[in-house]
N, C-alpha and C. Protein backbone atom coordinates (compact mmCIF):
# COMPACT_ATOMS: atom_id res chain seq x y z
N MET A 1 110.50 138.58 78.97
CA MET A 1 110.26 137.38 78.09
C MET A 1 109.46 136.32 79.02
N SER A 2 108.68 135.53 78.26
CA SER A 2 107.82 134.47 78.94
C SER A 2 108.74 133.47 79.60
N ASP A 3 108.28 133.00 80.73
CA ASP A 3 108.96 131.94 81.55
C ASP A 3 108.64 130.54 80.91
N ALA A 4 107.60 130.33 80.07
CA ALA A 4 107.27 129.10 79.54
C ALA A 4 108.37 128.57 78.65
N PRO A 5 108.44 127.19 78.45
CA PRO A 5 109.47 126.70 77.61
C PRO A 5 109.42 127.40 76.22
N LYS A 6 110.57 127.81 75.75
CA LYS A 6 110.59 128.58 74.50
C LYS A 6 110.35 127.64 73.29
N LEU A 7 109.42 127.99 72.49
CA LEU A 7 109.12 127.29 71.23
C LEU A 7 110.21 127.57 70.19
N THR A 8 110.64 126.50 69.62
CA THR A 8 111.63 126.68 68.49
C THR A 8 110.91 127.21 67.24
N LEU A 9 111.59 127.67 66.30
CA LEU A 9 110.89 128.19 65.09
C LEU A 9 110.16 126.98 64.35
N ASP A 10 110.67 125.83 64.39
CA ASP A 10 110.02 124.69 63.75
C ASP A 10 108.74 124.38 64.51
N GLU A 11 108.81 124.44 65.84
CA GLU A 11 107.54 124.24 66.62
C GLU A 11 106.45 125.28 66.40
N ILE A 12 106.96 126.50 66.25
CA ILE A 12 105.99 127.62 65.95
C ILE A 12 105.33 127.42 64.57
N LYS A 13 106.17 127.10 63.62
CA LYS A 13 105.62 126.77 62.22
C LYS A 13 104.52 125.64 62.31
N ALA A 14 104.96 124.52 63.02
CA ALA A 14 104.01 123.34 63.08
C ALA A 14 102.72 123.71 63.79
N ALA A 15 102.87 124.49 64.89
CA ALA A 15 101.67 124.89 65.62
C ALA A 15 100.77 125.73 64.76
N ALA A 16 101.28 126.71 64.03
CA ALA A 16 100.50 127.53 63.18
C ALA A 16 99.77 126.71 62.14
N SER A 17 100.47 125.78 61.58
CA SER A 17 99.84 124.88 60.58
C SER A 17 98.66 124.07 61.19
N ARG A 18 98.85 123.53 62.36
CA ARG A 18 97.86 122.75 63.00
C ARG A 18 96.60 123.56 63.27
N LEU A 19 96.84 124.77 63.82
CA LEU A 19 95.71 125.63 64.23
C LEU A 19 94.83 126.00 63.06
N VAL A 20 95.56 126.30 61.87
CA VAL A 20 94.76 126.68 60.69
C VAL A 20 94.09 125.45 60.13
N GLN A 21 94.68 124.25 60.17
CA GLN A 21 94.00 123.12 59.67
C GLN A 21 92.73 122.71 60.54
N ALA A 22 92.88 122.99 61.88
CA ALA A 22 91.79 122.60 62.79
C ALA A 22 90.63 123.49 62.62
N GLY A 23 90.82 124.73 62.13
CA GLY A 23 89.69 125.61 61.98
C GLY A 23 89.19 126.21 63.32
N GLY A 24 87.94 126.57 63.34
CA GLY A 24 87.45 127.17 64.60
C GLY A 24 87.84 128.68 64.74
N GLU A 25 88.17 128.96 65.91
CA GLU A 25 88.52 130.42 66.16
C GLU A 25 89.98 130.67 65.68
N VAL A 26 90.22 130.64 64.44
CA VAL A 26 91.55 130.71 63.89
C VAL A 26 92.25 132.13 64.23
N ARG A 27 91.50 133.15 64.03
CA ARG A 27 92.07 134.48 64.29
C ARG A 27 92.57 134.61 65.67
N ALA A 28 91.73 134.20 66.63
CA ALA A 28 92.09 134.28 68.07
C ALA A 28 93.29 133.38 68.42
N LYS A 29 93.26 132.19 67.82
CA LYS A 29 94.28 131.17 68.17
C LYS A 29 95.67 131.68 67.55
N LEU A 30 95.64 132.24 66.33
CA LEU A 30 96.92 132.73 65.80
C LEU A 30 97.41 133.98 66.47
N HIS A 31 96.53 134.74 66.94
CA HIS A 31 96.90 135.87 67.79
C HIS A 31 97.59 135.41 69.03
N GLU A 32 97.08 134.42 69.67
CA GLU A 32 97.61 133.84 70.91
C GLU A 32 99.04 133.26 70.64
N LEU A 33 99.07 132.49 69.60
CA LEU A 33 100.42 131.84 69.35
C LEU A 33 101.41 132.87 68.93
N THR A 34 101.10 133.89 68.25
CA THR A 34 102.03 134.97 67.81
C THR A 34 102.51 135.70 69.12
N VAL A 35 101.60 136.07 69.93
CA VAL A 35 102.01 136.72 71.20
C VAL A 35 102.93 135.86 72.02
N GLN A 36 102.60 134.53 72.14
CA GLN A 36 103.39 133.60 72.91
C GLN A 36 104.81 133.57 72.41
N ALA A 37 104.87 133.43 71.09
CA ALA A 37 106.13 133.36 70.42
C ALA A 37 107.03 134.57 70.60
N LEU A 38 106.41 135.76 70.54
CA LEU A 38 107.09 136.98 70.63
C LEU A 38 107.53 137.23 72.06
N THR A 39 106.73 136.88 73.03
CA THR A 39 107.10 137.12 74.40
C THR A 39 108.19 136.26 74.93
N GLN A 40 108.45 135.14 74.15
CA GLN A 40 109.59 134.33 74.53
C GLN A 40 110.91 134.76 73.93
N ARG A 41 110.80 135.83 73.21
CA ARG A 41 111.97 136.36 72.52
C ARG A 41 112.08 137.86 72.87
N GLU A 42 113.14 138.55 72.34
CA GLU A 42 113.22 139.94 72.51
C GLU A 42 112.52 140.55 71.35
N LEU A 43 111.77 141.68 71.58
CA LEU A 43 111.06 142.39 70.52
C LEU A 43 112.09 143.28 69.71
N ALA A 44 113.00 142.64 69.04
CA ALA A 44 113.92 143.34 68.15
C ALA A 44 113.72 142.79 66.74
N GLU A 45 114.19 143.53 65.76
CA GLU A 45 113.85 143.24 64.34
C GLU A 45 114.14 141.72 63.96
N ARG A 46 115.37 141.26 64.29
CA ARG A 46 115.73 139.95 63.79
C ARG A 46 114.78 138.86 64.39
N GLU A 47 114.53 138.96 65.58
CA GLU A 47 113.71 137.89 66.24
C GLU A 47 112.20 138.08 65.84
N ILE A 48 111.70 139.29 65.66
CA ILE A 48 110.32 139.47 65.21
C ILE A 48 110.25 138.88 63.72
N ARG A 49 111.18 139.10 62.85
CA ARG A 49 111.15 138.64 61.48
C ARG A 49 111.13 137.05 61.52
N GLU A 50 111.91 136.50 62.41
CA GLU A 50 112.04 134.98 62.42
C GLU A 50 110.66 134.46 62.85
N VAL A 51 110.06 135.01 63.91
CA VAL A 51 108.71 134.47 64.28
C VAL A 51 107.67 134.73 63.19
N LEU A 52 107.62 135.82 62.61
CA LEU A 52 106.64 136.08 61.57
C LEU A 52 106.80 135.08 60.41
N ALA A 53 108.05 134.80 60.03
CA ALA A 53 108.33 133.94 58.99
C ALA A 53 107.85 132.49 59.39
N ALA A 54 108.11 132.08 60.53
CA ALA A 54 107.75 130.70 60.97
C ALA A 54 106.24 130.58 60.92
N ILE A 55 105.49 131.58 61.49
CA ILE A 55 104.08 131.51 61.62
C ILE A 55 103.47 131.59 60.22
N THR A 56 103.97 132.51 59.40
CA THR A 56 103.36 132.69 58.07
C THR A 56 103.51 131.37 57.23
N GLU A 57 104.78 130.76 57.35
CA GLU A 57 104.91 129.53 56.70
C GLU A 57 103.98 128.41 57.14
N GLY A 58 103.75 128.43 58.43
CA GLY A 58 102.83 127.43 59.02
C GLY A 58 101.47 127.65 58.53
N ILE A 59 101.03 128.92 58.46
CA ILE A 59 99.69 129.27 58.03
C ILE A 59 99.44 128.86 56.60
N SER A 60 100.48 129.02 55.75
CA SER A 60 100.37 128.66 54.33
C SER A 60 100.22 127.15 54.20
N LEU A 61 100.97 126.38 55.00
CA LEU A 61 100.93 124.93 54.95
C LEU A 61 99.48 124.41 55.44
N GLY A 62 99.03 125.03 56.50
CA GLY A 62 97.75 124.70 57.03
C GLY A 62 96.61 125.00 56.12
N ALA A 63 96.73 126.13 55.37
CA ALA A 63 95.62 126.52 54.49
C ALA A 63 95.58 125.62 53.29
N GLU A 64 96.64 124.99 52.90
CA GLU A 64 96.66 124.01 51.76
C GLU A 64 95.77 122.84 52.11
N GLN A 65 95.51 122.55 53.34
CA GLN A 65 94.72 121.36 53.71
C GLN A 65 93.29 121.81 53.92
N ARG A 66 92.94 123.04 53.61
CA ARG A 66 91.55 123.46 53.63
C ARG A 66 91.07 124.04 52.37
N ALA A 67 91.12 123.23 51.34
CA ALA A 67 90.96 123.60 49.95
C ALA A 67 89.68 124.43 49.74
N ALA A 68 88.59 124.04 50.42
CA ALA A 68 87.27 124.74 50.22
C ALA A 68 87.17 126.02 50.96
N GLU A 69 88.20 126.26 51.91
CA GLU A 69 88.14 127.45 52.73
C GLU A 69 89.37 128.22 52.76
N VAL A 70 90.18 128.12 51.73
CA VAL A 70 91.51 128.77 51.70
C VAL A 70 91.45 130.22 52.05
N LYS A 71 90.43 130.91 51.36
CA LYS A 71 90.44 132.42 51.54
C LYS A 71 90.12 132.77 52.96
N SER A 72 89.12 132.15 53.53
CA SER A 72 88.77 132.57 54.90
C SER A 72 89.76 132.11 55.92
N ALA A 73 90.36 130.91 55.71
CA ALA A 73 91.42 130.36 56.60
C ALA A 73 92.58 131.29 56.64
N LEU A 74 93.07 131.77 55.54
CA LEU A 74 94.18 132.71 55.37
C LEU A 74 93.92 133.99 55.92
N ALA A 75 92.72 134.49 55.59
CA ALA A 75 92.41 135.88 56.11
C ALA A 75 92.30 135.87 57.67
N ASP A 76 91.65 134.83 58.20
CA ASP A 76 91.55 134.80 59.67
C ASP A 76 92.85 134.63 60.34
N ALA A 77 93.71 133.73 59.82
CA ALA A 77 94.98 133.49 60.42
C ALA A 77 95.95 134.74 60.33
N LEU A 78 95.97 135.34 59.17
CA LEU A 78 96.88 136.49 59.00
C LEU A 78 96.44 137.69 59.78
N HIS A 79 95.03 137.80 59.87
CA HIS A 79 94.50 138.92 60.79
C HIS A 79 94.83 138.72 62.24
N GLY A 80 94.97 137.42 62.66
CA GLY A 80 95.31 137.10 64.00
C GLY A 80 96.78 137.50 64.25
N MET A 81 97.60 137.25 63.29
CA MET A 81 99.01 137.63 63.43
C MET A 81 99.11 139.20 63.42
N ASP A 82 98.35 139.86 62.53
CA ASP A 82 98.32 141.30 62.55
C ASP A 82 97.81 141.89 63.87
N ASP A 83 96.79 141.24 64.54
CA ASP A 83 96.37 141.70 65.79
C ASP A 83 97.45 141.59 66.86
N ALA A 84 98.27 140.61 66.79
CA ALA A 84 99.28 140.39 67.73
C ALA A 84 100.32 141.53 67.55
N LEU A 85 100.67 141.75 66.30
CA LEU A 85 101.76 142.78 66.11
C LEU A 85 101.27 144.15 66.53
N ALA A 86 99.99 144.49 66.36
CA ALA A 86 99.42 145.67 66.83
C ALA A 86 99.65 145.75 68.37
N GLN A 87 99.42 144.68 69.03
CA GLN A 87 99.56 144.58 70.44
C GLN A 87 101.04 144.75 70.80
N ALA A 88 101.97 144.12 70.03
CA ALA A 88 103.36 144.28 70.23
C ALA A 88 103.76 145.79 70.08
N ALA A 89 103.18 146.53 69.13
CA ALA A 89 103.54 147.88 69.02
C ALA A 89 103.21 148.62 70.24
N GLU A 90 102.07 148.33 70.93
CA GLU A 90 101.77 148.99 72.20
C GLU A 90 102.76 148.67 73.25
N ALA A 91 103.24 147.45 73.23
CA ALA A 91 104.24 147.02 74.23
C ALA A 91 105.58 147.82 73.99
N MET A 92 105.98 147.87 72.70
CA MET A 92 107.18 148.66 72.48
C MET A 92 107.00 150.09 72.86
N GLN A 93 105.80 150.68 72.57
CA GLN A 93 105.58 152.08 72.94
C GLN A 93 105.73 152.26 74.50
N LEU A 94 105.20 151.28 75.32
CA LEU A 94 105.30 151.43 76.77
C LEU A 94 106.80 151.29 77.24
N ALA A 95 107.53 150.41 76.52
CA ALA A 95 108.93 150.20 76.89
C ALA A 95 109.75 151.46 76.57
N ILE A 96 109.54 152.07 75.41
CA ILE A 96 110.23 153.32 75.03
C ILE A 96 109.98 154.41 75.91
N ARG A 97 108.67 154.48 76.23
CA ARG A 97 108.30 155.58 77.24
C ARG A 97 108.95 155.42 78.54
N GLU A 98 109.09 154.16 79.02
CA GLU A 98 109.68 153.90 80.29
C GLU A 98 111.14 154.29 80.29
N VAL A 99 111.88 153.82 79.22
CA VAL A 99 113.31 154.13 79.31
C VAL A 99 113.62 155.61 78.93
N ALA A 100 112.69 156.25 78.12
CA ALA A 100 112.93 157.65 77.77
C ALA A 100 112.72 158.46 79.02
N ALA A 101 112.04 158.09 80.00
CA ALA A 101 111.85 158.84 81.19
C ALA A 101 113.14 159.11 81.96
N ASP A 102 114.10 158.24 81.72
CA ASP A 102 115.37 158.41 82.42
C ASP A 102 116.42 158.30 81.40
N ALA A 103 116.64 159.33 80.58
CA ALA A 103 117.61 159.34 79.47
C ALA A 103 119.00 158.99 79.85
N ARG A 104 119.36 159.36 81.12
CA ARG A 104 120.75 159.16 81.48
C ARG A 104 121.12 157.67 81.69
N ALA A 105 120.04 156.88 81.88
CA ALA A 105 120.29 155.39 82.14
C ALA A 105 120.21 154.56 80.89
N PHE A 106 119.86 155.26 79.74
CA PHE A 106 119.75 154.53 78.50
C PHE A 106 120.43 155.27 77.40
N GLY A 107 120.82 154.49 76.39
CA GLY A 107 121.55 155.05 75.26
C GLY A 107 120.67 155.73 74.21
N ALA A 108 121.07 156.87 73.69
CA ALA A 108 120.21 157.52 72.66
C ALA A 108 120.06 156.56 71.41
N ASN A 109 121.07 155.80 71.11
CA ASN A 109 121.03 154.96 69.99
C ASN A 109 120.10 153.78 70.22
N ASP A 110 120.07 153.36 71.52
CA ASP A 110 119.16 152.22 71.84
C ASP A 110 117.70 152.70 71.67
N LEU A 111 117.39 153.88 72.12
CA LEU A 111 116.06 154.42 72.03
C LEU A 111 115.72 154.59 70.53
N GLN A 112 116.59 155.16 69.84
CA GLN A 112 116.31 155.35 68.37
C GLN A 112 116.20 154.07 67.67
N GLN A 113 116.94 153.02 68.01
CA GLN A 113 116.74 151.70 67.50
C GLN A 113 115.41 151.07 67.80
N GLY A 114 115.01 151.28 69.00
CA GLY A 114 113.71 150.83 69.43
C GLY A 114 112.52 151.44 68.65
N LEU A 115 112.72 152.72 68.36
CA LEU A 115 111.70 153.43 67.68
C LEU A 115 111.70 152.98 66.22
N SER A 116 112.89 152.68 65.66
CA SER A 116 113.08 152.31 64.31
C SER A 116 112.41 150.87 64.12
N ASP A 117 112.63 149.94 65.09
CA ASP A 117 112.10 148.66 65.05
C ASP A 117 110.54 148.67 65.05
N LEU A 118 110.05 149.62 65.87
CA LEU A 118 108.57 149.80 65.97
C LEU A 118 107.97 150.20 64.63
N LYS A 119 108.67 151.26 64.01
CA LYS A 119 108.11 151.78 62.71
C LYS A 119 108.22 150.73 61.65
N LYS A 120 109.07 149.66 61.74
CA LYS A 120 109.23 148.68 60.75
C LYS A 120 108.19 147.54 60.84
N LEU A 121 107.33 147.54 61.89
CA LEU A 121 106.55 146.33 62.19
C LEU A 121 105.64 145.99 60.99
N GLU A 122 104.91 147.03 60.45
CA GLU A 122 103.98 146.74 59.30
C GLU A 122 104.79 146.13 58.14
N GLU A 123 105.92 146.78 57.82
CA GLU A 123 106.71 146.32 56.65
C GLU A 123 107.20 144.92 56.85
N MET A 124 107.65 144.61 58.10
CA MET A 124 108.08 143.23 58.31
C MET A 124 107.04 142.19 58.06
N LEU A 125 105.80 142.60 58.56
CA LEU A 125 104.63 141.70 58.40
C LEU A 125 104.35 141.48 56.83
N LEU A 126 104.24 142.59 56.00
CA LEU A 126 103.96 142.46 54.61
C LEU A 126 105.07 141.90 53.78
N GLU A 127 106.27 142.16 54.19
CA GLU A 127 107.44 141.56 53.48
C GLU A 127 107.46 140.09 53.58
N THR A 128 107.20 139.61 54.92
CA THR A 128 107.18 138.22 55.20
C THR A 128 106.09 137.48 54.47
N MET A 129 104.83 138.06 54.62
CA MET A 129 103.66 137.51 53.91
C MET A 129 103.97 137.40 52.39
N GLY A 130 104.52 138.47 51.83
CA GLY A 130 104.83 138.42 50.40
C GLY A 130 105.84 137.38 49.92
N ARG A 131 106.85 137.16 50.87
CA ARG A 131 107.91 136.19 50.49
C ARG A 131 107.31 134.81 50.54
N VAL A 132 106.49 134.53 51.60
CA VAL A 132 105.82 133.28 51.71
C VAL A 132 104.87 133.03 50.54
N ALA A 133 104.12 134.02 50.22
CA ALA A 133 103.10 133.94 49.10
C ALA A 133 103.86 133.56 47.81
N ALA A 134 105.03 134.16 47.57
CA ALA A 134 105.80 133.88 46.32
C ALA A 134 106.19 132.43 46.24
N ASN A 135 106.33 131.75 47.40
CA ASN A 135 106.77 130.40 47.42
C ASN A 135 105.67 129.43 47.54
N ALA A 136 104.48 129.91 47.67
CA ALA A 136 103.31 129.03 47.85
C ALA A 136 102.77 128.55 46.57
N ASN A 137 101.77 127.78 46.51
CA ASN A 137 101.21 127.13 45.27
C ASN A 137 99.74 127.43 45.17
N GLY A 138 99.30 127.47 43.94
CA GLY A 138 97.87 127.47 43.67
C GLY A 138 97.06 128.61 44.31
N LEU A 139 95.93 128.10 44.95
CA LEU A 139 95.00 129.14 45.54
C LEU A 139 95.57 129.80 46.76
N VAL A 140 96.44 129.16 47.55
CA VAL A 140 97.11 129.68 48.68
C VAL A 140 97.96 130.93 48.17
N LYS A 141 98.67 130.68 47.14
CA LYS A 141 99.58 131.72 46.54
C LYS A 141 98.70 132.94 46.17
N GLN A 142 97.63 132.64 45.43
CA GLN A 142 96.72 133.64 44.89
C GLN A 142 96.10 134.49 46.05
N GLU A 143 95.57 133.79 47.03
CA GLU A 143 94.87 134.45 48.06
C GLU A 143 95.77 135.25 49.06
N MET A 144 96.93 134.68 49.30
CA MET A 144 97.90 135.35 50.15
C MET A 144 98.46 136.60 49.49
N THR A 145 98.72 136.51 48.19
CA THR A 145 99.18 137.62 47.43
C THR A 145 98.17 138.74 47.43
N ALA A 146 96.87 138.39 47.31
CA ALA A 146 95.88 139.35 47.33
C ALA A 146 95.72 140.11 48.69
N ILE A 147 95.96 139.36 49.77
CA ILE A 147 95.91 139.88 51.09
C ILE A 147 97.07 140.90 51.28
N VAL A 148 98.18 140.49 50.81
CA VAL A 148 99.37 141.38 50.94
C VAL A 148 99.13 142.66 50.05
N GLU A 149 98.63 142.56 48.86
CA GLU A 149 98.34 143.74 48.07
C GLU A 149 97.31 144.59 48.65
N HIS A 150 96.32 144.03 49.29
CA HIS A 150 95.28 144.84 49.99
C HIS A 150 95.89 145.57 51.20
N GLY A 151 96.73 144.83 51.92
CA GLY A 151 97.48 145.49 53.10
C GLY A 151 98.32 146.62 52.63
N ARG A 152 98.98 146.53 51.50
CA ARG A 152 99.79 147.66 51.07
C ARG A 152 99.00 148.81 50.60
N ARG A 153 97.81 148.57 50.04
CA ARG A 153 96.93 149.62 49.57
C ARG A 153 96.19 150.27 50.72
N ILE A 154 95.62 149.53 51.62
CA ILE A 154 94.71 150.01 52.69
C ILE A 154 95.45 150.18 53.98
N GLY A 155 96.45 149.45 54.21
CA GLY A 155 97.19 149.43 55.49
C GLY A 155 96.67 148.25 56.34
N THR A 156 97.34 147.98 57.35
CA THR A 156 97.04 146.95 58.36
C THR A 156 96.72 147.54 59.73
N ASP A 157 96.20 146.77 60.63
CA ASP A 157 95.94 147.13 62.01
C ASP A 157 97.29 147.58 62.70
N THR A 158 98.30 146.79 62.36
CA THR A 158 99.62 147.09 62.87
C THR A 158 100.09 148.41 62.45
N GLY A 159 100.00 148.71 61.13
CA GLY A 159 100.42 149.96 60.62
C GLY A 159 99.65 151.13 61.20
N GLY A 160 98.32 150.92 61.36
CA GLY A 160 97.55 152.00 61.95
C GLY A 160 97.98 152.36 63.37
N ARG A 161 98.22 151.28 64.13
CA ARG A 161 98.61 151.45 65.53
C ARG A 161 99.96 152.17 65.55
N VAL A 162 100.90 151.73 64.75
CA VAL A 162 102.23 152.30 64.66
C VAL A 162 102.20 153.78 64.35
N ARG A 163 101.41 154.13 63.38
CA ARG A 163 101.33 155.56 62.89
C ARG A 163 100.70 156.38 64.11
N ALA A 164 99.74 155.82 64.82
CA ALA A 164 99.09 156.55 65.87
C ALA A 164 99.96 156.89 67.05
N ILE A 165 101.11 156.14 67.29
CA ILE A 165 101.96 156.33 68.38
C ILE A 165 103.32 156.85 68.09
N SER A 166 103.69 156.90 66.73
CA SER A 166 105.07 157.22 66.45
C SER A 166 105.34 158.67 66.68
N ASP A 167 104.48 159.58 66.47
CA ASP A 167 104.75 160.97 66.77
C ASP A 167 105.06 161.30 68.22
N ASP A 168 104.28 160.66 69.10
CA ASP A 168 104.45 160.86 70.53
C ASP A 168 105.85 160.24 70.93
N LEU A 169 106.12 159.10 70.44
CA LEU A 169 107.40 158.50 70.77
C LEU A 169 108.55 159.23 70.20
N GLY A 170 108.43 159.77 69.04
CA GLY A 170 109.51 160.45 68.28
C GLY A 170 109.84 161.67 69.17
N ASN A 171 108.85 162.36 69.70
CA ASN A 171 109.15 163.52 70.55
C ASN A 171 109.89 163.14 71.86
N ARG A 172 109.40 162.04 72.35
CA ARG A 172 110.07 161.55 73.61
C ARG A 172 111.50 161.17 73.41
N VAL A 173 111.75 160.45 72.33
CA VAL A 173 113.09 160.00 72.04
C VAL A 173 114.01 161.26 71.76
N ARG A 174 113.53 162.17 70.97
CA ARG A 174 114.28 163.39 70.72
C ARG A 174 114.63 164.08 71.94
N SER A 175 113.67 164.15 72.88
CA SER A 175 113.92 164.83 74.14
C SER A 175 114.96 164.06 74.95
N ALA A 176 114.77 162.71 74.99
CA ALA A 176 115.74 161.92 75.74
C ALA A 176 117.14 162.03 75.25
N VAL A 177 117.26 162.10 73.84
CA VAL A 177 118.64 162.16 73.33
C VAL A 177 119.21 163.51 73.63
N HIS A 178 118.41 164.60 73.69
CA HIS A 178 118.90 165.92 73.99
C HIS A 178 119.41 165.95 75.48
N ASP A 179 118.68 165.18 76.33
CA ASP A 179 118.94 165.22 77.79
C ASP A 179 120.08 164.31 78.21
N ALA A 180 120.46 163.34 77.35
CA ALA A 180 121.49 162.43 77.71
C ALA A 180 122.83 163.10 77.94
N THR A 181 123.56 162.53 78.95
CA THR A 181 124.84 163.14 79.28
C THR A 181 125.95 162.15 79.07
N ASP A 182 127.18 162.54 78.93
CA ASP A 182 128.36 161.68 78.78
C ASP A 182 128.47 160.77 79.99
N ALA A 183 128.15 161.28 81.11
CA ALA A 183 128.30 160.50 82.33
C ALA A 183 127.44 159.19 82.34
N GLY A 184 126.32 159.27 81.58
CA GLY A 184 125.50 158.14 81.54
C GLY A 184 125.71 157.16 80.38
N LYS A 185 126.72 157.42 79.56
CA LYS A 185 126.90 156.64 78.35
C LYS A 185 127.24 155.13 78.62
N GLN A 186 128.01 154.89 79.63
CA GLN A 186 128.40 153.55 79.99
C GLN A 186 127.12 152.73 80.47
N ALA A 187 126.45 153.43 81.42
CA ALA A 187 125.15 152.71 81.90
C ALA A 187 124.18 152.53 80.81
N ALA A 188 124.18 153.48 79.82
CA ALA A 188 123.31 153.39 78.64
C ALA A 188 123.64 152.12 77.82
N ARG A 189 124.85 151.86 77.65
CA ARG A 189 125.19 150.70 76.79
C ARG A 189 124.83 149.42 77.59
N GLU A 190 124.93 149.47 78.98
CA GLU A 190 124.66 148.23 79.74
C GLU A 190 123.10 148.04 79.91
N VAL A 191 122.35 149.14 80.11
CA VAL A 191 120.97 149.03 80.40
C VAL A 191 120.18 149.16 79.07
N GLY A 192 120.64 149.95 78.16
CA GLY A 192 119.86 150.12 76.92
C GLY A 192 119.69 148.85 76.16
N ALA A 193 120.61 147.95 76.24
CA ALA A 193 120.57 146.62 75.48
C ALA A 193 119.32 145.89 75.93
N ARG A 194 118.76 146.19 77.06
CA ARG A 194 117.51 145.46 77.54
C ARG A 194 116.31 146.04 77.02
N LEU A 195 116.28 147.04 76.16
CA LEU A 195 115.08 147.66 75.72
C LEU A 195 114.11 146.66 74.98
N ALA A 196 114.70 145.75 74.12
CA ALA A 196 113.85 144.83 73.45
C ALA A 196 113.26 143.80 74.42
N GLY A 197 114.04 143.52 75.49
CA GLY A 197 113.59 142.57 76.49
C GLY A 197 112.49 143.19 77.33
N ILE A 198 112.55 144.46 77.62
CA ILE A 198 111.47 145.14 78.35
C ILE A 198 110.16 145.18 77.39
N SER A 199 110.37 145.38 76.20
CA SER A 199 109.18 145.36 75.28
C SER A 199 108.50 144.06 75.34
N SER A 200 109.30 142.96 75.30
CA SER A 200 108.69 141.64 75.38
C SER A 200 107.98 141.40 76.64
N ARG A 201 108.46 141.89 77.76
CA ARG A 201 107.83 141.73 79.11
C ARG A 201 106.55 142.53 79.06
N LYS A 202 106.59 143.73 78.44
CA LYS A 202 105.36 144.55 78.43
C LYS A 202 104.28 143.85 77.65
N LEU A 203 104.66 143.15 76.54
CA LEU A 203 103.65 142.43 75.71
C LEU A 203 103.11 141.28 76.51
N GLY A 204 103.92 140.63 77.31
CA GLY A 204 103.38 139.56 78.12
C GLY A 204 102.37 140.14 79.23
N GLU A 205 102.66 141.29 79.70
CA GLU A 205 101.70 141.91 80.72
C GLU A 205 100.41 142.23 80.04
N ILE A 206 100.52 142.90 78.93
CA ILE A 206 99.29 143.26 78.16
C ILE A 206 98.43 141.97 77.89
N ALA A 207 99.13 140.97 77.41
CA ALA A 207 98.38 139.69 77.04
C ALA A 207 97.71 139.12 78.36
N ALA A 208 98.41 139.15 79.48
CA ALA A 208 97.87 138.56 80.71
C ALA A 208 96.67 139.33 81.14
N ARG A 209 96.64 140.68 81.06
CA ARG A 209 95.52 141.54 81.50
C ARG A 209 94.37 141.23 80.62
N LEU A 210 94.50 141.13 79.28
CA LEU A 210 93.46 140.90 78.39
C LEU A 210 92.84 139.50 78.66
N ALA A 211 93.75 138.49 78.93
CA ALA A 211 93.28 137.16 79.23
C ALA A 211 92.39 137.14 80.51
N GLU A 212 92.89 137.88 81.54
CA GLU A 212 92.10 137.98 82.78
C GLU A 212 90.77 138.67 82.54
N LYS A 213 90.74 139.72 81.75
CA LYS A 213 89.48 140.40 81.42
C LYS A 213 88.57 139.43 80.71
N ALA A 214 89.03 138.71 79.71
CA ALA A 214 88.16 137.80 78.94
C ALA A 214 87.64 136.74 79.92
N GLU A 215 88.43 136.16 80.76
CA GLU A 215 87.95 135.20 81.73
C GLU A 215 86.88 135.71 82.69
N SER A 216 87.09 136.94 83.14
CA SER A 216 86.06 137.59 83.94
C SER A 216 84.73 137.72 83.20
N LEU A 217 84.79 138.18 81.89
CA LEU A 217 83.62 138.33 81.20
C LEU A 217 82.86 137.02 81.00
N LYS A 218 83.62 135.92 80.77
CA LYS A 218 83.01 134.59 80.60
C LYS A 218 82.22 134.21 81.85
N LYS A 219 82.81 134.47 83.05
CA LYS A 219 82.16 134.10 84.34
C LYS A 219 80.87 134.86 84.54
N LYS A 220 80.90 136.11 84.06
CA LYS A 220 79.68 136.95 84.23
C LYS A 220 78.54 136.47 83.25
């Protein structure tokens, strides 16, 4: 998890609202905020849902202040959040690969839970957006609902990334479960609980590498 001061859910919501209101590179800014919020927590279902809810509510509030640009503001912001979740999927993939490589040190249930959380990412995103849309008003409600419906029909970047890696991870987890021994069960309970934390760390590492690459390209 990130060493930076942990943003509260209210702070995340307020930050998302401000970024959407300000305009500019909304997609990139919401991507950055979502990654920051996720790396400060464990990449487990409850905390992911909390972050998504706070950011989506903030996006809705911010879009209300941009009456002439509601559609583009919402689309850019929600795509930024989708981009971040696709990146989180990659981080979870790396974490599961790492722990599956030593099945005796991790619990089969922990590995399976990690894979389950990964597969739920797209649904978490669409469910959260749908719930916030239902409580929104006017054009924000209309446009956000349309984005959710489009996501369910066509899919999201997150969903595409998850589907691309699930088969590989499924095989790795099944192999790890098969190789696990009774002797390792206690260590599994102690170490396996860190899987979501490892995922968060991986996400932070991915974000840092991308930021360094972007900075290097700017200098060139």
